[in-house]
Amino acid sequence: MEGKLESSEGVFENYLKEDPKTGKMHVVGKDAGGKLAITRWRTEGDEVVVQLETGRKNQIRVQFAHAGHPIVGDEKYGAQKADRLYLHATQLKVKLRSGEWRTFSS
């Protein structure tokens, strides 16, 4: 994240909607047709650990940028230019159509 987070943990709860012209997601009000996006986060040293309660397009990128802390290298959502986007998933847990949960780790 760019900047220093004000606390060591928190929850973002916003409504997100995609601009059909640009494909960019925005935080909007519930009445504007946005879909609920909930993200829990905590800091561990220099890293931020994120747990998604919902799965919206670009959810992490949009919510941290909206809070004034865009992901390093994420020019689309207001960050300074960098050599790459500094967003990496170390673990993904997904529910398959069969109902089985699978965990993938890097």
N, C-alpha and C. Protein backbone atom coordinates (compact mmCIF):
# COMPACT_ATOMS: atom_id res chain seq x y z
N MET A 1 0.83 -1.16 0.00
CA MET A 1 0.00 0.00 0.00
C MET A 1 0.89 1.24 0.00
N GLU A 2 0.42 2.26 -0.61
CA GLU A 2 1.11 3.54 -0.49
C GLU A 2 0.68 4.19 0.81
N GLY A 3 1.60 4.86 1.45
CA GLY A 3 1.29 5.53 2.70
C GLY A 3 1.30 4.57 3.86
N LYS A 4 1.02 5.12 5.04
CA LYS A 4 1.00 4.31 6.26
C LYS A 4 -0.43 4.19 6.76
N LEU A 5 -0.86 2.95 6.96
CA LEU A 5 -2.20 2.71 7.48
C LEU A 5 -2.29 3.23 8.91
N GLU A 6 -3.43 3.78 9.27
CA GLU A 6 -3.58 4.41 10.58
C GLU A 6 -3.76 3.42 11.72
N SER A 7 -4.14 2.18 11.42
CA SER A 7 -4.28 1.17 12.47
C SER A 7 -3.70 -0.15 11.96
N SER A 8 -3.63 -1.14 12.83
CA SER A 8 -3.03 -2.41 12.45
C SER A 8 -4.05 -3.41 11.89
N GLU A 9 -5.33 -3.05 11.94
CA GLU A 9 -6.35 -3.92 11.35
C GLU A 9 -7.62 -3.12 11.09
N GLY A 10 -8.45 -3.67 10.21
CA GLY A 10 -9.70 -2.98 9.92
C GLY A 10 -10.57 -3.78 8.97
N VAL A 11 -11.71 -3.20 8.66
CA VAL A 11 -12.67 -3.80 7.73
C VAL A 11 -13.16 -2.71 6.80
N PHE A 12 -13.15 -3.00 5.50
CA PHE A 12 -13.78 -2.12 4.52
C PHE A 12 -15.11 -2.75 4.16
N GLU A 13 -16.15 -1.94 4.19
CA GLU A 13 -17.47 -2.40 3.79
C GLU A 13 -18.06 -1.30 2.92
N ASN A 14 -18.05 -1.54 1.61
CA ASN A 14 -18.51 -0.56 0.64
C ASN A 14 -19.38 -1.24 -0.41
N TYR A 15 -20.01 -0.43 -1.23
CA TYR A 15 -20.75 -0.92 -2.38
C TYR A 15 -19.95 -0.52 -3.62
N LEU A 16 -19.68 -1.49 -4.50
CA LEU A 16 -18.87 -1.26 -5.69
C LEU A 16 -19.70 -1.43 -6.95
N LYS A 17 -19.37 -0.62 -7.94
CA LYS A 17 -20.06 -0.69 -9.23
C LYS A 17 -19.06 -0.39 -10.33
N GLU A 18 -19.21 -1.10 -11.45
CA GLU A 18 -18.32 -0.91 -12.58
C GLU A 18 -18.85 0.16 -13.53
N ASP A 19 -17.95 1.02 -13.98
CA ASP A 19 -18.30 2.00 -15.01
C ASP A 19 -18.26 1.26 -16.35
N PRO A 20 -19.38 1.13 -17.03
CA PRO A 20 -19.41 0.34 -18.27
C PRO A 20 -18.53 0.91 -19.39
N LYS A 21 -18.24 2.20 -19.34
CA LYS A 21 -17.41 2.81 -20.37
C LYS A 21 -15.93 2.52 -20.18
N THR A 22 -15.47 2.53 -18.92
CA THR A 22 -14.04 2.38 -18.66
C THR A 22 -13.68 1.01 -18.08
N GLY A 23 -14.66 0.30 -17.54
CA GLY A 23 -14.38 -0.98 -16.89
C GLY A 23 -13.80 -0.82 -15.50
N LYS A 24 -13.65 0.43 -15.06
CA LYS A 24 -13.08 0.71 -13.75
C LYS A 24 -14.18 0.63 -12.68
N MET A 25 -13.84 0.01 -11.56
CA MET A 25 -14.78 -0.11 -10.44
C MET A 25 -14.72 1.14 -9.58
N HIS A 26 -15.86 1.48 -8.96
CA HIS A 26 -15.95 2.64 -8.09
C HIS A 26 -16.75 2.31 -6.84
N VAL A 27 -16.44 2.99 -5.75
CA VAL A 27 -17.26 2.91 -4.55
C VAL A 27 -18.46 3.82 -4.78
N VAL A 28 -19.65 3.26 -4.61
CA VAL A 28 -20.89 4.01 -4.79
C VAL A 28 -21.80 3.73 -3.61
N GLY A 29 -22.90 4.40 -3.56
CA GLY A 29 -23.89 4.12 -2.53
C GLY A 29 -24.72 2.90 -2.88
N LYS A 30 -25.32 2.31 -1.88
CA LYS A 30 -26.17 1.14 -2.09
C LYS A 30 -27.29 1.45 -3.08
N ASP A 31 -27.84 2.66 -2.99
CA ASP A 31 -28.95 3.05 -3.86
C ASP A 31 -28.52 3.25 -5.31
N ALA A 32 -27.22 3.33 -5.56
CA ALA A 32 -26.71 3.54 -6.92
C ALA A 32 -26.49 2.21 -7.65
N GLY A 33 -26.94 1.13 -7.05
CA GLY A 33 -26.82 -0.17 -7.71
C GLY A 33 -25.52 -0.90 -7.45
N GLY A 34 -24.77 -0.45 -6.45
CA GLY A 34 -23.53 -1.13 -6.13
C GLY A 34 -23.76 -2.45 -5.43
N LYS A 35 -22.74 -3.33 -5.52
CA LYS A 35 -22.80 -4.62 -4.84
C LYS A 35 -21.90 -4.56 -3.61
N LEU A 36 -22.38 -5.15 -2.51
CA LEU A 36 -21.65 -5.12 -1.24
C LEU A 36 -20.29 -5.81 -1.38
N ALA A 37 -19.25 -5.15 -0.87
CA ALA A 37 -17.90 -5.70 -0.86
C ALA A 37 -17.35 -5.55 0.55
N ILE A 38 -16.95 -6.66 1.16
CA ILE A 38 -16.41 -6.65 2.52
C ILE A 38 -15.01 -7.24 2.50
N THR A 39 -14.06 -6.47 3.02
CA THR A 39 -12.66 -6.88 3.08
C THR A 39 -12.13 -6.67 4.48
N ARG A 40 -11.60 -7.72 5.08
CA ARG A 40 -10.93 -7.62 6.39
C ARG A 40 -9.43 -7.58 6.13
N TRP A 41 -8.73 -6.75 6.90
CA TRP A 41 -7.29 -6.64 6.70
C TRP A 41 -6.58 -6.43 8.02
N ARG A 42 -5.29 -6.81 8.03
CA ARG A 42 -4.43 -6.58 9.19
C ARG A 42 -2.99 -6.46 8.69
N THR A 43 -2.20 -5.75 9.44
CA THR A 43 -0.79 -5.63 9.08
C THR A 43 0.03 -6.69 9.82
N GLU A 44 1.04 -7.19 9.15
CA GLU A 44 2.02 -8.11 9.74
C GLU A 44 3.38 -7.62 9.27
N GLY A 45 4.03 -6.84 10.12
CA GLY A 45 5.30 -6.23 9.72
C GLY A 45 5.04 -5.24 8.60
N ASP A 46 5.76 -5.40 7.49
CA ASP A 46 5.61 -4.51 6.34
C ASP A 46 4.52 -4.97 5.38
N GLU A 47 3.89 -6.09 5.66
CA GLU A 47 2.87 -6.62 4.77
C GLU A 47 1.47 -6.38 5.30
N VAL A 48 0.52 -6.37 4.38
CA VAL A 48 -0.89 -6.27 4.74
C VAL A 48 -1.55 -7.59 4.32
N VAL A 49 -2.17 -8.26 5.28
CA VAL A 49 -2.87 -9.52 5.02
C VAL A 49 -4.34 -9.19 4.84
N VAL A 50 -4.91 -9.68 3.76
CA VAL A 50 -6.29 -9.35 3.39
C VAL A 50 -7.12 -10.63 3.33
N GLN A 51 -8.32 -10.57 3.87
CA GLN A 51 -9.27 -11.67 3.77
C GLN A 51 -10.55 -11.13 3.17
N LEU A 52 -10.94 -11.69 2.04
CA LEU A 52 -12.15 -11.24 1.35
C LEU A 52 -13.36 -12.00 1.88
N GLU A 53 -14.37 -11.25 2.27
CA GLU A 53 -15.64 -11.84 2.67
C GLU A 53 -16.56 -11.96 1.45
N THR A 54 -16.32 -11.12 0.46
CA THR A 54 -17.06 -11.14 -0.80
C THR A 54 -16.04 -11.16 -1.91
N GLY A 55 -16.46 -11.41 -3.11
CA GLY A 55 -15.53 -11.46 -4.24
C GLY A 55 -15.98 -10.56 -5.37
N ARG A 56 -15.63 -9.31 -5.29
CA ARG A 56 -15.99 -8.35 -6.34
C ARG A 56 -14.76 -8.04 -7.19
N LYS A 57 -15.01 -7.68 -8.43
CA LYS A 57 -13.93 -7.34 -9.35
C LYS A 57 -13.07 -6.22 -8.77
N ASN A 58 -11.78 -6.43 -8.73
CA ASN A 58 -10.80 -5.44 -8.25
C ASN A 58 -11.08 -4.93 -6.84
N GLN A 59 -11.75 -5.74 -6.04
CA GLN A 59 -12.20 -5.33 -4.71
C GLN A 59 -11.08 -4.76 -3.85
N ILE A 60 -9.97 -5.47 -3.73
CA ILE A 60 -8.85 -5.01 -2.89
C ILE A 60 -8.31 -3.68 -3.43
N ARG A 61 -8.09 -3.62 -4.72
CA ARG A 61 -7.54 -2.43 -5.34
C ARG A 61 -8.43 -1.21 -5.11
N VAL A 62 -9.73 -1.38 -5.32
CA VAL A 62 -10.68 -0.27 -5.21
C VAL A 62 -10.81 0.20 -3.76
N GLN A 63 -10.96 -0.73 -2.84
CA GLN A 63 -11.20 -0.33 -1.45
C GLN A 63 -9.98 0.33 -0.82
N PHE A 64 -8.79 -0.18 -1.07
CA PHE A 64 -7.60 0.46 -0.50
C PHE A 64 -7.36 1.83 -1.14
N ALA A 65 -7.59 1.94 -2.44
CA ALA A 65 -7.45 3.24 -3.10
C ALA A 65 -8.46 4.24 -2.54
N HIS A 66 -9.69 3.78 -2.34
CA HIS A 66 -10.74 4.65 -1.79
C HIS A 66 -10.37 5.14 -0.39
N ALA A 67 -9.65 4.31 0.36
CA ALA A 67 -9.21 4.68 1.72
C ALA A 67 -7.95 5.55 1.69
N GLY A 68 -7.44 5.86 0.49
CA GLY A 68 -6.26 6.71 0.37
C GLY A 68 -4.95 5.95 0.36
N HIS A 69 -5.02 4.63 0.18
CA HIS A 69 -3.81 3.79 0.19
C HIS A 69 -3.82 2.82 -0.99
N PRO A 70 -3.65 3.34 -2.22
CA PRO A 70 -3.65 2.43 -3.37
C PRO A 70 -2.49 1.44 -3.29
N ILE A 71 -2.66 0.32 -3.97
CA ILE A 71 -1.62 -0.71 -4.05
C ILE A 71 -0.43 -0.12 -4.82
N VAL A 72 0.75 -0.35 -4.33
CA VAL A 72 1.96 0.15 -5.00
C VAL A 72 1.95 -0.33 -6.46
N GLY A 73 2.13 0.60 -7.37
CA GLY A 73 2.19 0.30 -8.80
C GLY A 73 0.83 0.25 -9.49
N ASP A 74 -0.24 0.49 -8.78
CA ASP A 74 -1.58 0.41 -9.36
C ASP A 74 -2.02 1.77 -9.89
N GLU A 75 -1.47 2.14 -11.03
CA GLU A 75 -1.76 3.45 -11.63
C GLU A 75 -3.25 3.61 -11.96
N LYS A 76 -3.93 2.52 -12.30
CA LYS A 76 -5.36 2.58 -12.64
C LYS A 76 -6.18 3.15 -11.49
N TYR A 77 -5.75 2.86 -10.26
CA TYR A 77 -6.49 3.33 -9.09
C TYR A 77 -5.71 4.36 -8.27
N GLY A 78 -4.83 5.11 -8.94
CA GLY A 78 -4.25 6.29 -8.32
C GLY A 78 -2.87 6.17 -7.70
N ALA A 79 -2.22 5.04 -7.82
CA ALA A 79 -0.88 4.89 -7.25
C ALA A 79 0.18 5.48 -8.17
N GLN A 80 1.33 5.73 -7.61
CA GLN A 80 2.48 6.17 -8.38
C GLN A 80 2.95 5.02 -9.29
N LYS A 81 3.59 5.37 -10.38
CA LYS A 81 4.11 4.36 -11.30
C LYS A 81 5.22 3.55 -10.61
N ALA A 82 5.23 2.26 -10.85
CA ALA A 82 6.26 1.36 -10.34
C ALA A 82 6.55 0.34 -11.42
N ASP A 83 7.51 -0.53 -11.15
CA ASP A 83 7.88 -1.53 -12.16
C ASP A 83 6.83 -2.61 -12.34
N ARG A 84 5.90 -2.74 -11.38
CA ARG A 84 4.82 -3.71 -11.48
C ARG A 84 3.77 -3.39 -10.43
N LEU A 85 2.68 -4.14 -10.46
CA LEU A 85 1.64 -4.05 -9.44
C LEU A 85 2.05 -4.94 -8.27
N TYR A 86 2.17 -4.38 -7.09
CA TYR A 86 2.63 -5.12 -5.92
C TYR A 86 1.45 -5.70 -5.13
N LEU A 87 0.78 -6.64 -5.77
CA LEU A 87 -0.34 -7.34 -5.16
C LEU A 87 -0.13 -8.82 -5.43
N HIS A 88 -0.09 -9.62 -4.38
CA HIS A 88 0.22 -11.04 -4.54
C HIS A 88 -0.62 -11.86 -3.56
N ALA A 89 -1.25 -12.90 -4.06
CA ALA A 89 -2.00 -13.81 -3.20
C ALA A 89 -1.09 -14.96 -2.78
N THR A 90 -0.95 -15.15 -1.49
CA THR A 90 -0.16 -16.29 -1.00
C THR A 90 -1.04 -17.51 -0.79
N GLN A 91 -2.36 -17.28 -0.64
CA GLN A 91 -3.28 -18.40 -0.46
C GLN A 91 -4.65 -18.02 -1.00
N LEU A 92 -5.23 -18.92 -1.75
CA LEU A 92 -6.60 -18.76 -2.25
C LEU A 92 -7.40 -19.97 -1.81
N LYS A 93 -8.55 -19.73 -1.24
CA LYS A 93 -9.46 -20.81 -0.85
C LYS A 93 -10.75 -20.58 -1.61
N VAL A 94 -11.13 -21.55 -2.43
CA VAL A 94 -12.30 -21.39 -3.27
C VAL A 94 -13.23 -22.59 -3.11
N LYS A 95 -14.52 -22.32 -3.27
CA LYS A 95 -15.51 -23.37 -3.22
C LYS A 95 -15.83 -23.78 -4.66
N LEU A 96 -15.62 -25.04 -4.96
CA LEU A 96 -15.88 -25.54 -6.29
C LEU A 96 -17.38 -25.74 -6.51
N ARG A 97 -17.78 -25.89 -7.74
CA ARG A 97 -19.20 -26.10 -8.05
C ARG A 97 -19.74 -27.36 -7.37
N SER A 98 -18.86 -28.31 -7.12
CA SER A 98 -19.26 -29.55 -6.45
C SER A 98 -19.56 -29.33 -4.97
N GLY A 99 -19.21 -28.15 -4.44
CA GLY A 99 -19.39 -27.85 -3.04
C GLY A 99 -18.13 -28.07 -2.22
N GLU A 100 -17.14 -28.70 -2.83
CA GLU A 100 -15.86 -28.97 -2.16
C GLU A 100 -15.03 -27.68 -2.08
N TRP A 101 -14.35 -27.49 -0.93
CA TRP A 101 -13.44 -26.35 -0.79
C TRP A 101 -12.03 -26.79 -1.16
N ARG A 102 -11.32 -25.94 -1.91
CA ARG A 102 -9.93 -26.19 -2.28
C ARG A 102 -9.09 -25.01 -1.86
N THR A 103 -7.89 -25.29 -1.37
CA THR A 103 -6.95 -24.24 -0.99
C THR A 103 -5.71 -24.34 -1.86
N PHE A 104 -5.28 -23.20 -2.40
CA PHE A 104 -4.09 -23.12 -3.23
C PHE A 104 -3.13 -22.15 -2.57
N SER A 105 -1.87 -22.55 -2.42
CA SER A 105 -0.87 -21.72 -1.75
C SER A 105 0.34 -21.53 -2.65
N SER A 106 0.99 -20.39 -2.50
CA SER A 106 2.22 -20.14 -3.25
C SER A 106 3.39 -20.12 -2.30
